[in-house]
Every structure is written in C-alpha cells, then in structure tokens.
C-alpha cells in the first residue's frame, strides 16, 4: 500500500490516504502497451489529406476514341484510361483518417506504467 498526503484548501497537511500499489505503476513491464499507446496518439494526429483523381474524376470525353475493329490499333474505350497519358490513377490515395482506438483498460495500464506516481 502506498500513502499520499491530503491537503486542505489553505495548503496545510491534514492527513494521508492509503492507496493500493497498482495506482503507483509498480508491477510488470508494459512497454508494448506504451508503444501501442504512443502509436495510437501519433496516428490520430496524421493529416490524411493526400488525394489523386481516378478515371471517373479526370476531365475528358466519354466518347470512344475509335471504333472497335478494322483500324489496326489496339481496342480503346476511354481517353482517360489509366494506361493513357493524362489518364486517371489506378489505386491512388484518397482522404482518410488514420486514427484507431485502444481498449480503455489497456490505455490506462500504459498511462499508469509511464507515470512514476500513477496516472
């Protein structure tokens, strides 16, 4: 059991309170939990605004460039196909959130093991 002092509103010590040891972060090493908590906090701060245009978003005609047969050229259905110049990007980035959540008990355990007086 750990003991903490109790103070009055006038900043005078009026007593102490006994608390269990798990409030003080003493116990097993939880560095994987600390790592996961840090990764979670940093991931939620990522901006995630990268964006590219797909073939449906690129400007260009919807008309078939040339007829399907008897031209001697390869089949083509759209001028904005990803294999064409100025075409859309196939699997480019779209805006998204990178944040994720840890279970509350795991997060609290990580915070407790980081702080020497408990968190």
PDB file of N, CA and C in Angstrom:
ATOM      1  N   UNK A   1       0.841  -1.188   0.000  1.00  0.00           N
ATOM      2  CA  UNK A   1       0.000   0.000   0.000  1.00  0.00           C
ATOM      3  C   UNK A   1       0.883   1.247   0.000  1.00  0.00           C
ATOM      4  N   UNK A   2       0.494   2.214  -0.806  1.00  0.00           N
ATOM      5  CA  UNK A   2       1.195   3.481  -0.873  1.00  0.00           C
ATOM      6  C   UNK A   2       0.406   4.557  -0.149  1.00  0.00           C
ATOM      7  N   UNK A   3       1.117   5.535   0.365  1.00  0.00           N
ATOM      8  CA  UNK A   3       0.467   6.592   1.140  1.00  0.00           C
ATOM      9  C   UNK A   3       0.675   7.936   0.448  1.00  0.00           C
ATOM     10  N   UNK A   4      -0.414   8.709   0.349  1.00  0.00           N
ATOM     11  CA  UNK A   4      -0.362  10.050  -0.233  1.00  0.00           C
ATOM     12  C   UNK A   4      -0.858  11.060   0.791  1.00  0.00           C
ATOM     13  N   UNK A   5      -0.210  12.248   0.869  1.00  0.00           N
ATOM     14  CA  UNK A   5      -0.692  13.270   1.797  1.00  0.00           C
ATOM     15  C   UNK A   5      -1.975  13.934   1.285  1.00  0.00           C
ATOM     16  N   UNK A   6      -2.824  14.375   2.226  1.00  0.00           N
ATOM     17  CA  UNK A   6      -4.057  15.089   1.899  1.00  0.00           C
ATOM     18  C   UNK A   6      -3.911  16.505   2.439  1.00  0.00           C
ATOM     19  N   UNK A   7      -4.201  17.511   1.586  1.00  0.00           N
ATOM     20  CA  UNK A   7      -4.051  18.914   1.958  1.00  0.00           C
ATOM     21  C   UNK A   7      -5.400  19.607   1.999  1.00  0.00           C
ATOM     22  N   UNK A   8      -5.504  20.647   2.855  1.00  0.00           N
ATOM     23  CA  UNK A   8      -6.721  21.450   2.938  1.00  0.00           C
ATOM     24  C   UNK A   8      -6.668  22.540   1.872  1.00  0.00           C
ATOM     25  N   UNK A   9      -7.750  23.312   1.774  1.00  0.00           N
ATOM     26  CA  UNK A   9      -7.796  24.408   0.813  1.00  0.00           C
ATOM     27  C   UNK A   9      -6.766  25.490   1.154  1.00  0.00           C
ATOM     28  N   UNK A  10      -6.299  25.539   2.387  1.00  0.00           N
ATOM     29  CA  UNK A  10      -5.288  26.518   2.790  1.00  0.00           C
ATOM     30  C   UNK A  10      -3.870  25.955   2.644  1.00  0.00           C
ATOM     31  N   UNK A  11      -3.737  24.847   1.948  1.00  0.00           N
ATOM     32  CA  UNK A  11      -2.462  24.200   1.659  1.00  0.00           C
ATOM     33  C   UNK A  11      -1.757  23.696   2.910  1.00  0.00           C
ATOM     34  N   UNK A  12      -2.541  23.261   3.899  1.00  0.00           N
ATOM     35  CA  UNK A  12      -1.969  22.670   5.096  1.00  0.00           C
ATOM     36  C   UNK A  12      -2.248  21.176   5.079  1.00  0.00           C
ATOM     37  N   UNK A  13      -1.256  20.399   5.496  1.00  0.00           N
ATOM     38  CA  UNK A  13      -1.427  18.951   5.509  1.00  0.00           C
ATOM     39  C   UNK A  13      -2.394  18.564   6.622  1.00  0.00           C
ATOM     40  N   UNK A  14      -3.444  17.829   6.242  1.00  0.00           N
ATOM     41  CA  UNK A  14      -4.462  17.448   7.227  1.00  0.00           C
ATOM     42  C   UNK A  14      -4.520  15.936   7.454  1.00  0.00           C
ATOM     43  N   UNK A  15      -3.752  15.176   6.706  1.00  0.00           N
ATOM     44  CA  UNK A  15      -3.769  13.730   6.884  1.00  0.00           C
ATOM     45  C   UNK A  15      -3.133  13.037   5.691  1.00  0.00           C
ATOM     46  N   UNK A  16      -3.402  11.731   5.601  1.00  0.00           N
ATOM     47  CA  UNK A  16      -2.894  10.951   4.471  1.00  0.00           C
ATOM     48  C   UNK A  16      -3.905   9.868   4.130  1.00  0.00           C
ATOM     49  N   UNK A  17      -3.777   9.325   2.925  1.00  0.00           N
ATOM     50  CA  UNK A  17      -4.689   8.282   2.475  1.00  0.00           C
ATOM     51  C   UNK A  17      -3.846   7.133   1.913  1.00  0.00           C
ATOM     52  N   UNK A  18      -4.247   5.904   2.231  1.00  0.00           N
ATOM     53  CA  UNK A  18      -3.549   4.728   1.724  1.00  0.00           C
ATOM     54  C   UNK A  18      -4.211   4.258   0.435  1.00  0.00           C
ATOM     55  N   UNK A  19      -3.396   3.994  -0.578  1.00  0.00           N
ATOM     56  CA  UNK A  19      -3.905   3.538  -1.874  1.00  0.00           C
ATOM     57  C   UNK A  19      -3.206   2.238  -2.268  1.00  0.00           C
ATOM     58  N   UNK A  20      -3.887   1.382  -3.027  1.00  0.00           N
ATOM     59  CA  UNK A  20      -3.248   0.140  -3.483  1.00  0.00           C
ATOM     60  C   UNK A  20      -2.048   0.428  -4.392  1.00  0.00           C
ATOM     61  N   UNK A  21      -1.131  -0.549  -4.455  1.00  0.00           N
ATOM     62  CA  UNK A  21       0.097  -0.362  -5.224  1.00  0.00           C
ATOM     63  C   UNK A  21      -0.145  -0.210  -6.726  1.00  0.00           C
ATOM     64  N   UNK A  22      -1.250  -0.746  -7.265  1.00  0.00           N
ATOM     65  CA  UNK A  22      -1.470  -0.651  -8.714  1.00  0.00           C
ATOM     66  C   UNK A  22      -1.691   0.792  -9.165  1.00  0.00           C
ATOM     67  N   UNK A  23      -1.992   1.711  -8.228  1.00  0.00           N
ATOM     68  CA  UNK A  23      -2.128   3.122  -8.592  1.00  0.00           C
ATOM     69  C   UNK A  23      -0.772   3.775  -8.842  1.00  0.00           C
ATOM     70  N   UNK A  24       0.306   3.132  -8.399  1.00  0.00           N
ATOM     71  CA  UNK A  24       1.620   3.748  -8.487  1.00  0.00           C
ATOM     72  C   UNK A  24       2.465   3.194  -9.623  1.00  0.00           C
ATOM     73  N   UNK A  25       1.884   2.363 -10.462  1.00  0.00           N
ATOM     74  CA  UNK A  25       2.593   1.883 -11.635  1.00  0.00           C
ATOM     75  C   UNK A  25       3.631   0.827 -11.335  1.00  0.00           C
ATOM     76  N   UNK A  26       3.669   0.324 -10.117  1.00  0.00           N
ATOM     77  CA  UNK A  26       4.618  -0.727  -9.791  1.00  0.00           C
ATOM     78  C   UNK A  26       4.034  -2.043 -10.269  1.00  0.00           C
ATOM     79  N   UNK A  27       4.827  -2.841 -10.875  1.00  0.00           N
ATOM     80  CA  UNK A  27       4.328  -4.114 -11.383  1.00  0.00           C
ATOM     81  C   UNK A  27       5.083  -4.522 -12.615  1.00  0.00           C
ATOM     82  N   UNK A  28       4.427  -5.267 -13.481  1.00  0.00           N
ATOM     83  CA  UNK A  28       5.124  -5.800 -14.648  1.00  0.00           C
ATOM     84  C   UNK A  28       5.401  -4.714 -15.685  1.00  0.00           C
ATOM     85  N   UNK A  29       6.422  -4.974 -16.474  1.00  0.00           N
ATOM     86  CA  UNK A  29       6.813  -4.049 -17.538  1.00  0.00           C
ATOM     87  C   UNK A  29       5.778  -4.105 -18.656  1.00  0.00           C
ATOM     88  N   UNK A  30       5.246  -2.956 -19.044  1.00  0.00           N
ATOM     89  CA  UNK A  30       4.249  -2.930 -20.115  1.00  0.00           C
ATOM     90  C   UNK A  30       4.724  -2.044 -21.265  1.00  0.00           C
ATOM     91  N   UNK A  31       5.975  -2.228 -21.687  1.00  0.00           N
ATOM     92  CA  UNK A  31       6.499  -1.414 -22.778  1.00  0.00           C
ATOM     93  C   UNK A  31       5.767  -1.663 -24.098  1.00  0.00           C
ATOM     94  N   UNK A  32       5.262  -2.880 -24.405  1.00  0.00           N
ATOM     95  CA  UNK A  32       4.459  -2.994 -25.629  1.00  0.00           C
ATOM     96  C   UNK A  32       3.178  -2.166 -25.579  1.00  0.00           C
ATOM     97  N   UNK A  33       2.559  -2.068 -24.393  1.00  0.00           N
ATOM     98  CA  UNK A  33       1.361  -1.240 -24.253  1.00  0.00           C
ATOM     99  C   UNK A  33       1.696   0.236 -24.424  1.00  0.00           C
ATOM    100  N   UNK A  34       2.826   0.646 -23.868  1.00  0.00           N
ATOM    101  CA  UNK A  34       3.252   2.048 -24.003  1.00  0.00           C
ATOM    102  C   UNK A  34       3.487   2.362 -25.478  1.00  0.00           C
ATOM    103  N   UNK A  35       4.143   1.440 -26.183  1.00  0.00           N
ATOM    104  CA  UNK A  35       4.387   1.646 -27.615  1.00  0.00           C
ATOM    105  C   UNK A  35       3.073   1.768 -28.378  1.00  0.00           C
ATOM    106  N   UNK A  36       2.120   0.892 -28.075  1.00  0.00           N
ATOM    107  CA  UNK A  36       0.838   0.931 -28.778  1.00  0.00           C
ATOM    108  C   UNK A  36       0.094   2.233 -28.489  1.00  0.00           C
ATOM    109  N   UNK A  37       0.185   2.722 -27.244  1.00  0.00           N
ATOM    110  CA  UNK A  37      -0.472   3.988 -26.887  1.00  0.00           C
ATOM    111  C   UNK A  37       0.154   5.161 -27.642  1.00  0.00           C
ATOM    112  N   UNK A  38       1.481   5.160 -27.754  1.00  0.00           N
ATOM    113  CA  UNK A  38       2.164   6.243 -28.474  1.00  0.00           C
ATOM    114  C   UNK A  38       1.809   6.192 -29.955  1.00  0.00           C
ATOM    115  N   UNK A  39       1.801   4.986 -30.546  1.00  0.00           N
ATOM    116  CA  UNK A  39       1.443   4.843 -31.953  1.00  0.00           C
ATOM    117  C   UNK A  39       0.011   5.316 -32.187  1.00  0.00           C
ATOM    118  N   UNK A  40      -0.897   4.984 -31.258  1.00  0.00           N
ATOM    119  CA  UNK A  40      -2.291   5.403 -31.390  1.00  0.00           C
ATOM    120  C   UNK A  40      -2.408   6.935 -31.363  1.00  0.00           C
ATOM    121  N   UNK A  41      -1.704   7.570 -30.420  1.00  0.00           N
ATOM    122  CA  UNK A  41      -1.787   9.024 -30.320  1.00  0.00           C
ATOM    123  C   UNK A  41      -1.199   9.706 -31.549  1.00  0.00           C
ATOM    124  N   UNK A  42      -0.080   9.185 -32.054  1.00  0.00           N
ATOM    125  CA  UNK A  42       0.538   9.802 -33.221  1.00  0.00           C
ATOM    126  C   UNK A  42      -0.262   9.547 -34.489  1.00  0.00           C
ATOM    127  N   UNK A  43      -0.908   8.384 -34.585  1.00  0.00           N
ATOM    128  CA  UNK A  43      -1.711   8.079 -35.772  1.00  0.00           C
ATOM    129  C   UNK A  43      -2.916   8.997 -35.860  1.00  0.00           C
ATOM    130  N   UNK A  44      -3.498   9.337 -34.712  1.00  0.00           N
ATOM    131  CA  UNK A  44      -4.677  10.204 -34.736  1.00  0.00           C
ATOM    132  C   UNK A  44      -4.318  11.641 -35.106  1.00  0.00           C
ATOM    133  N   UNK A  45      -3.029  11.975 -35.053  1.00  0.00           N
ATOM    134  CA  UNK A  45      -2.604  13.330 -35.411  1.00  0.00           C
ATOM    135  C   UNK A  45      -2.214  13.447 -36.878  1.00  0.00           C
ATOM    136  N   UNK A  46      -2.187  12.332 -37.616  1.00  0.00           N
ATOM    137  CA  UNK A  46      -1.841  12.400 -39.035  1.00  0.00           C
ATOM    138  C   UNK A  46      -2.924  13.121 -39.820  1.00  0.00           C
ATOM    139  N   UNK A  47      -2.510  13.836 -40.860  1.00  0.00           N
ATOM    140  CA  UNK A  47      -3.445  14.682 -41.583  1.00  0.00           C
ATOM    141  C   UNK A  47      -4.348  13.883 -42.517  1.00  0.00           C
ATOM    142  N   UNK A  48      -3.797  13.019 -43.317  1.00  0.00           N
ATOM    143  CA  UNK A  48      -4.594  12.153 -44.176  1.00  0.00           C
ATOM    144  C   UNK A  48      -5.364  12.870 -45.265  1.00  0.00           C
ATOM    145  N   UNK A  49      -4.751  13.879 -45.912  1.00  0.00           N
ATOM    146  CA  UNK A  49      -5.464  14.630 -46.948  1.00  0.00           C
ATOM    147  C   UNK A  49      -4.936  14.348 -48.349  1.00  0.00           C
ATOM    148  N   UNK A  50      -4.022  13.377 -48.504  1.00  0.00           N
ATOM    149  CA  UNK A  50      -3.487  13.062 -49.831  1.00  0.00           C
ATOM    150  C   UNK A  50      -4.606  12.554 -50.727  1.00  0.00           C
ATOM    151  N   UNK A  51      -4.639  13.014 -51.974  1.00  0.00           N
ATOM    152  CA  UNK A  51      -5.717  12.613 -52.867  1.00  0.00           C
ATOM    153  C   UNK A  51      -5.241  12.635 -54.312  1.00  0.00           C
ATOM    154  N   UNK A  52      -5.712  11.670 -55.100  1.00  0.00           N
ATOM    155  CA  UNK A  52      -5.459  11.648 -56.537  1.00  0.00           C
ATOM    156  C   UNK A  52      -6.788  11.438 -57.252  1.00  0.00           C
ATOM    157  N   UNK A  53      -6.806  11.715 -58.555  1.00  0.00           N
ATOM    158  CA  UNK A  53      -8.042  11.552 -59.324  1.00  0.00           C
ATOM    159  C   UNK A  53      -8.053  10.210 -60.038  1.00  0.00           C
ATOM    160  N   UNK A  54      -9.146   9.506 -59.907  1.00  0.00           N
ATOM    161  CA  UNK A  54      -9.328   8.250 -60.618  1.00  0.00           C
ATOM    162  C   UNK A  54      -9.850   8.509 -62.017  1.00  0.00           C
ATOM    163  N   UNK A  55     -10.099   7.455 -62.782  1.00  0.00           N
ATOM    164  CA  UNK A  55     -10.524   7.640 -64.171  1.00  0.00           C
ATOM    165  C   UNK A  55     -11.896   8.278 -64.268  1.00  0.00           C
ATOM    166  N   UNK A  56     -12.715   8.175 -63.241  1.00  0.00           N
ATOM    167  CA  UNK A  56     -14.021   8.811 -63.264  1.00  0.00           C
ATOM    168  C   UNK A  56     -13.979  10.275 -62.898  1.00  0.00           C
ATOM    169  N   UNK A  57     -12.863  10.733 -62.319  1.00  0.00           N
ATOM    170  CA  UNK A  57     -12.764  12.122 -61.860  1.00  0.00           C
ATOM    171  C   UNK A  57     -11.921  12.996 -62.792  1.00  0.00           C
ATOM    172  N   UNK A  58     -11.160  12.376 -63.694  1.00  0.00           N
ATOM    173  CA  UNK A  58     -10.308  13.132 -64.612  1.00  0.00           C
ATOM    174  C   UNK A  58     -11.179  13.714 -65.720  1.00  0.00           C
ATOM    175  N   UNK A  59     -10.859  14.931 -66.145  1.00  0.00           N
ATOM    176  CA  UNK A  59     -11.656  15.541 -67.210  1.00  0.00           C
ATOM    177  C   UNK A  59     -11.311  14.890 -68.547  1.00  0.00           C
ATOM    178  N   UNK A  60     -12.285  14.761 -69.385  1.00  0.00           N
ATOM    179  CA  UNK A  60     -12.086  14.156 -70.689  1.00  0.00           C
ATOM    180  C   UNK A  60     -13.398  13.645 -71.241  1.00  0.00           C
ATOM    181  N   UNK A  61     -13.379  13.323 -72.506  1.00  0.00           N
ATOM    182  CA  UNK A  61     -14.582  12.905 -73.204  1.00  0.00           C
ATOM    183  C   UNK A  61     -15.031  11.522 -72.765  1.00  0.00           C
ATOM    184  N   UNK A  62     -16.333  11.265 -72.897  1.00  0.00           N
ATOM    185  CA  UNK A  62     -16.856   9.944 -72.626  1.00  0.00           C
ATOM    186  C   UNK A  62     -16.990   9.140 -73.904  1.00  0.00           C
ATOM    187  N   UNK A  63     -16.625   9.755 -75.013  1.00  0.00           N
ATOM    188  CA  UNK A  63     -16.768   9.103 -76.323  1.00  0.00           C
ATOM    189  C   UNK A  63     -15.653   8.084 -76.537  1.00  0.00           C
ATOM    190  N   UNK A  64     -15.992   7.006 -77.203  1.00  0.00           N
ATOM    191  CA  UNK A  64     -14.999   6.003 -77.569  1.00  0.00           C
ATOM    192  C   UNK A  64     -14.046   6.627 -78.595  1.00  0.00           C
ATOM    193  N   UNK A  65     -12.712   6.550 -78.382  1.00  0.00           N
ATOM    194  CA  UNK A  65     -11.764   7.247 -79.256  1.00  0.00           C
ATOM    195  C   UNK A  65     -11.825   6.794 -80.720  1.00  0.00           C
ATOM    196  N   UNK A  66     -11.923   5.500 -80.985  1.00  0.00           N
ATOM    197  CA  UNK A  66     -12.086   4.989 -82.347  1.00  0.00           C
ATOM    198  C   UNK A  66     -12.871   3.702 -82.299  1.00  0.00           C
ATOM    199  N   UNK A  67     -13.340   3.279 -83.432  1.00  0.00           N
ATOM    200  CA  UNK A  67     -14.194   2.092 -83.451  1.00  0.00           C
ATOM    201  C   UNK A  67     -13.406   0.858 -83.023  1.00  0.00           C
ATOM    202  N   UNK A  68     -14.144  -0.156 -82.613  1.00  0.00           N
ATOM    203  CA  UNK A  68     -13.544  -1.340 -82.010  1.00  0.00           C
ATOM    204  C   UNK A  68     -12.683  -2.128 -83.011  1.00  0.00           C
ATOM    205  N   UNK A  69     -13.137  -2.257 -84.245  1.00  0.00           N
ATOM    206  CA  UNK A  69     -12.455  -3.158 -85.197  1.00  0.00           C
ATOM    207  C   UNK A  69     -12.038  -2.428 -86.479  1.00  0.00           C
ATOM    208  N   UNK A  70     -11.122  -3.071 -87.209  1.00  0.00           N
ATOM    209  CA  UNK A  70     -10.693  -2.659 -88.551  1.00  0.00           C
ATOM    210  C   UNK A  70      -9.906  -1.352 -88.591  1.00  0.00           C
ATOM    211  N   UNK A  71      -9.246  -0.988 -87.503  1.00  0.00           N
ATOM    212  CA  UNK A  71      -8.386   0.208 -87.554  1.00  0.00           C
ATOM    213  C   UNK A  71      -6.923  -0.180 -87.493  1.00  0.00           C
ATOM    214  N   UNK A  72      -6.633  -1.384 -87.051  1.00  0.00           N
ATOM    215  CA  UNK A  72      -5.254  -1.801 -86.884  1.00  0.00           C
ATOM    216  C   UNK A  72      -4.648  -1.361 -85.567  1.00  0.00           C
ATOM    217  N   UNK A  73      -5.410  -0.654 -84.777  1.00  0.00           N
ATOM    218  CA  UNK A  73      -4.916  -0.197 -83.467  1.00  0.00           C
ATOM    219  C   UNK A  73      -5.528  -1.047 -82.367  1.00  0.00           C
ATOM    220  N   UNK A  74      -4.979  -0.890 -81.180  1.00  0.00           N
ATOM    221  CA  UNK A  74      -5.499  -1.649 -80.038  1.00  0.00           C
ATOM    222  C   UNK A  74      -6.867  -1.106 -79.647  1.00  0.00           C
ATOM    223  N   UNK A  75      -7.687  -1.976 -79.034  1.00  0.00           N
ATOM    224  CA  UNK A  75      -9.010  -1.560 -78.572  1.00  0.00           C
ATOM    225  C   UNK A  75      -8.859  -0.445 -77.536  1.00  0.00           C
ATOM    226  N   UNK A  76      -9.721   0.537 -77.579  1.00  0.00           N
ATOM    227  CA  UNK A  76      -9.694   1.618 -76.599  1.00  0.00           C
ATOM    228  C   UNK A  76     -11.116   2.048 -76.330  1.00  0.00           C
ATOM    229  N   UNK A  77     -11.450   2.219 -75.063  1.00  0.00           N
ATOM    230  CA  UNK A  77     -12.811   2.595 -74.721  1.00  0.00           C
ATOM    231  C   UNK A  77     -12.905   3.988 -74.151  1.00  0.00           C
ATOM    232  N   UNK A  78     -11.782   4.513 -73.622  1.00  0.00           N
ATOM    233  CA  UNK A  78     -11.841   5.812 -72.968  1.00  0.00           C
ATOM    234  C   UNK A  78     -10.497   6.500 -73.105  1.00  0.00           C
ATOM    235  N   UNK A  79     -10.540   7.822 -73.216  1.00  0.00           N
ATOM    236  CA  UNK A  79      -9.299   8.595 -73.303  1.00  0.00           C
ATOM    237  C   UNK A  79      -8.672   8.745 -71.933  1.00  0.00           C
ATOM    238  N   UNK A  80      -9.430   8.493 -70.892  1.00  0.00           N
ATOM    239  CA  UNK A  80      -8.919   8.699 -69.538  1.00  0.00           C
ATOM    240  C   UNK A  80      -8.597   7.388 -68.823  1.00  0.00           C
ATOM    241  N   UNK A  81      -8.363   6.334 -69.619  1.00  0.00           N
ATOM    242  CA  UNK A  81      -7.916   5.062 -69.071  1.00  0.00           C
ATOM    243  C   UNK A  81      -6.569   5.254 -68.373  1.00  0.00           C
ATOM    244  N   UNK A  82      -6.288   4.549 -67.282  1.00  0.00           N
ATOM    245  CA  UNK A  82      -5.023   4.734 -66.559  1.00  0.00           C
ATOM    246  C   UNK A  82      -3.776   4.468 -67.398  1.00  0.00           C
ATOM    247  N   UNK A  83      -3.886   3.712 -68.489  1.00  0.00           N
ATOM    248  CA  UNK A  83      -2.681   3.462 -69.289  1.00  0.00           C
ATOM    249  C   UNK A  83      -2.419   4.581 -70.289  1.00  0.00           C
ATOM    250  N   UNK A  84      -3.317   5.517 -70.402  1.00  0.00           N
ATOM    251  CA  UNK A  84      -3.145   6.647 -71.306  1.00  0.00           C
ATOM    252  C   UNK A  84      -2.507   7.821 -70.579  1.00  0.00           C
ATOM    253  N   UNK A  85      -1.868   8.674 -71.362  1.00  0.00           N
ATOM    254  CA  UNK A  85      -1.336   9.926 -70.835  1.00  0.00           C
ATOM    255  C   UNK A  85      -2.511  10.800 -70.382  1.00  0.00           C
ATOM    256  N   UNK A  86      -2.373  11.467 -69.257  1.00  0.00           N
ATOM    257  CA  UNK A  86      -3.416  12.281 -68.628  1.00  0.00           C
ATOM    258  C   UNK A  86      -4.589  11.433 -68.130  1.00  0.00           C
ATOM    259  N   UNK A  87      -4.389  10.131 -68.032  1.00  0.00           N
ATOM    260  CA  UNK A  87      -5.455   9.266 -67.537  1.00  0.00           C
ATOM    261  C   UNK A  87      -5.509   9.275 -66.016  1.00  0.00           C
ATOM    262  N   UNK A  88      -6.489   8.578 -65.480  1.00  0.00           N
ATOM    263  CA  UNK A  88      -6.660   8.526 -64.030  1.00  0.00           C
ATOM    264  C   UNK A  88      -5.622   7.637 -63.362  1.00  0.00           C
ATOM    265  N   UNK A  89      -5.495   7.802 -62.050  1.00  0.00           N
ATOM    266  CA  UNK A  89      -4.587   6.991 -61.241  1.00  0.00           C
ATOM    267  C   UNK A  89      -5.362   5.771 -60.750  1.00  0.00           C
ATOM    268  N   UNK A  90      -4.742   4.596 -60.807  1.00  0.00           N
ATOM    269  CA  UNK A  90      -5.478   3.368 -60.518  1.00  0.00           C
ATOM    270  C   UNK A  90      -5.793   3.217 -59.026  1.00  0.00           C
ATOM    271  N   UNK A  91      -4.788   3.057 -58.189  1.00  0.00           N
ATOM    272  CA  UNK A  91      -5.049   2.850 -56.762  1.00  0.00           C
ATOM    273  C   UNK A  91      -4.400   3.962 -55.942  1.00  0.00           C
ATOM    274  N   UNK A  92      -4.620   5.199 -56.342  1.00  0.00           N
ATOM    275  CA  UNK A  92      -4.004   6.324 -55.654  1.00  0.00           C
ATOM    276  C   UNK A  92      -4.642   6.591 -54.301  1.00  0.00           C
ATOM    277  N   UNK A  93      -3.994   7.442 -53.493  1.00  0.00           N
ATOM    278  CA  UNK A  93      -4.525   7.736 -52.164  1.00  0.00           C
ATOM    279  C   UNK A  93      -5.794   8.584 -52.218  1.00  0.00           C
ATOM    280  N   UNK A  94      -6.651   8.376 -51.244  1.00  0.00           N
ATOM    281  CA  UNK A  94      -7.862   9.174 -51.056  1.00  0.00           C
ATOM    282  C   UNK A  94      -7.862   9.665 -49.612  1.00  0.00           C
ATOM    283  N   UNK A  95      -8.511  10.790 -49.327  1.00  0.00           N
ATOM    284  CA  UNK A  95      -8.529  11.274 -47.945  1.00  0.00           C
ATOM    285  C   UNK A  95      -9.115  10.239 -46.989  1.00  0.00           C
ATOM    286  N   UNK A  96      -8.442  10.044 -45.853  1.00  0.00           N
ATOM    287  CA  UNK A  96      -8.911   9.080 -44.859  1.00  0.00           C
ATOM    288  C   UNK A  96      -8.340   9.418 -43.502  1.00  0.00           C
ATOM    289  N   UNK A  97      -8.890   8.818 -42.478  1.00  0.00           N
ATOM    290  CA  UNK A  97      -8.404   9.005 -41.114  1.00  0.00           C
ATOM    291  C   UNK A  97      -7.534   7.814 -40.736  1.00  0.00           C
ATOM    292  N   UNK A  98      -6.432   8.079 -40.076  1.00  0.00           N
ATOM    293  CA  UNK A  98      -5.503   7.024 -39.699  1.00  0.00           C
ATOM    294  C   UNK A  98      -5.688   6.587 -38.245  1.00  0.00           C
ATOM    295  N   UNK A  99      -6.499   7.292 -37.484  1.00  0.00           N
ATOM    296  CA  UNK A  99      -6.638   7.006 -36.060  1.00  0.00           C
ATOM    297  C   UNK A  99      -7.309   5.682 -35.776  1.00  0.00           C
ATOM    298  N   UNK A 100      -7.005   5.119 -34.624  1.00  0.00           N
ATOM    299  CA  UNK A 100      -7.651   3.903 -34.149  1.00  0.00           C
ATOM    300  C   UNK A 100      -7.767   3.990 -32.632  1.00  0.00           C
ATOM    301  N   UNK A 101      -8.524   3.099 -32.033  1.00  0.00           N
ATOM    302  CA  UNK A 101      -8.769   3.134 -30.594  1.00  0.00           C
ATOM    303  C   UNK A 101      -8.189   1.898 -29.925  1.00  0.00           C
ATOM    304  N   UNK A 102      -7.605   2.115 -28.749  1.00  0.00           N
ATOM    305  CA  UNK A 102      -7.189   1.008 -27.885  1.00  0.00           C
ATOM    306  C   UNK A 102      -8.293   0.762 -26.872  1.00  0.00           C
ATOM    307  N   UNK A 103      -8.401  -0.448 -26.344  1.00  0.00           N
ATOM    308  CA  UNK A 103      -9.322  -0.662 -25.230  1.00  0.00           C
ATOM    309  C   UNK A 103      -8.929   0.221 -24.035  1.00  0.00           C
ATOM    310  N   UNK A 104      -9.924   0.723 -23.307  1.00  0.00           N
ATOM    311  CA  UNK A 104      -9.668   1.682 -22.221  1.00  0.00           C
ATOM    312  C   UNK A 104      -8.749   1.114 -21.149  1.00  0.00           C
ATOM    313  N   UNK A 105      -8.940  -0.153 -20.797  1.00  0.00           N
ATOM    314  CA  UNK A 105      -8.117  -0.747 -19.734  1.00  0.00           C
ATOM    315  C   UNK A 105      -6.653  -0.843 -20.161  1.00  0.00           C
ATOM    316  N   UNK A 106      -6.429  -1.157 -21.433  1.00  0.00           N
ATOM    317  CA  UNK A 106      -5.056  -1.234 -21.927  1.00  0.00           C
ATOM    318  C   UNK A 106      -4.412   0.153 -21.923  1.00  0.00           C
ATOM    319  N   UNK A 107      -5.170   1.164 -22.360  1.00  0.00           N
ATOM    320  CA  UNK A 107      -4.638   2.526 -22.412  1.00  0.00           C
ATOM    321  C   UNK A 107      -4.317   3.037 -21.004  1.00  0.00           C
ATOM    322  N   UNK A 108      -5.216   2.772 -20.058  1.00  0.00           N
ATOM    323  CA  UNK A 108      -4.976   3.209 -18.675  1.00  0.00           C
ATOM    324  C   UNK A 108      -3.773   2.511 -18.068  1.00  0.00           C
ATOM    325  N   UNK A 109      -3.610   1.230 -18.386  1.00  0.00           N
ATOM    326  CA  UNK A 109      -2.449   0.484 -17.896  1.00  0.00           C
ATOM    327  C   UNK A 109      -1.161   1.081 -18.458  1.00  0.00           C
ATOM    328  N   UNK A 110      -1.165   1.456 -19.722  1.00  0.00           N
ATOM    329  CA  UNK A 110       0.008   2.075 -20.339  1.00  0.00           C
ATOM    330  C   UNK A 110       0.316   3.418 -19.686  1.00  0.00           C
ATOM    331  N   UNK A 111      -0.712   4.221 -19.431  1.00  0.00           N
ATOM    332  CA  UNK A 111      -0.502   5.520 -18.783  1.00  0.00           C
ATOM    333  C   UNK A 111       0.038   5.353 -17.362  1.00  0.00           C
ATOM    334  N   UNK A 112      -0.498   4.375 -16.632  1.00  0.00           N
ATOM    335  CA  UNK A 112      -0.033   4.129 -15.261  1.00  0.00           C
ATOM    336  C   UNK A 112       1.429   3.709 -15.238  1.00  0.00           C
ATOM    337  N   UNK A 113       1.831   2.870 -16.180  1.00  0.00           N
ATOM    338  CA  UNK A 113       3.210   2.390 -16.160  1.00  0.00           C
ATOM    339  C   UNK A 113       4.186   3.446 -16.657  1.00  0.00           C
ATOM    340  N   UNK A 114       3.691   4.475 -17.365  1.00  0.00           N
ATOM    341  CA  UNK A 114       4.587   5.568 -17.790  1.00  0.00           C
ATOM    342  C   UNK A 114       4.846   6.562 -16.672  1.00  0.00           C
ATOM    343  N   UNK A 115       3.835   6.840 -15.872  1.00  0.00           N
ATOM    344  CA  UNK A 115       3.954   7.858 -14.823  1.00  0.00           C
ATOM    345  C   UNK A 115       4.463   7.228 -13.531  1.00  0.00           C
ATOM    346  N   UNK A 116       5.485   7.795 -12.903  1.00  0.00           N
ATOM    347  CA  UNK A 116       6.003   7.205 -11.659  1.00  0.00           C
ATOM    348  C   UNK A 116       5.008   7.302 -10.505  1.00  0.00           C
ATOM    349  N   UNK A 117       4.177   8.349 -10.431  1.00  0.00           N
ATOM    350  CA  UNK A 117       3.191   8.485  -9.362  1.00  0.00           C
ATOM    351  C   UNK A 117       1.831   7.957  -9.745  1.00  0.00           C
ATOM    352  N   UNK A 118       1.682   7.348 -10.894  1.00  0.00           N
ATOM    353  CA  UNK A 118       0.378   6.875 -11.340  1.00  0.00           C
ATOM    354  C   UNK A 118      -0.326   7.938 -12.169  1.00  0.00           C
ATOM    355  N   UNK A 119      -1.255   7.528 -13.043  1.00  0.00           N
ATOM    356  CA  UNK A 119      -1.861   8.500 -13.943  1.00  0.00           C
ATOM    357  C   UNK A 119      -3.329   8.530 -13.944  1.00  0.00           C
TER     358      UNK A 119
END
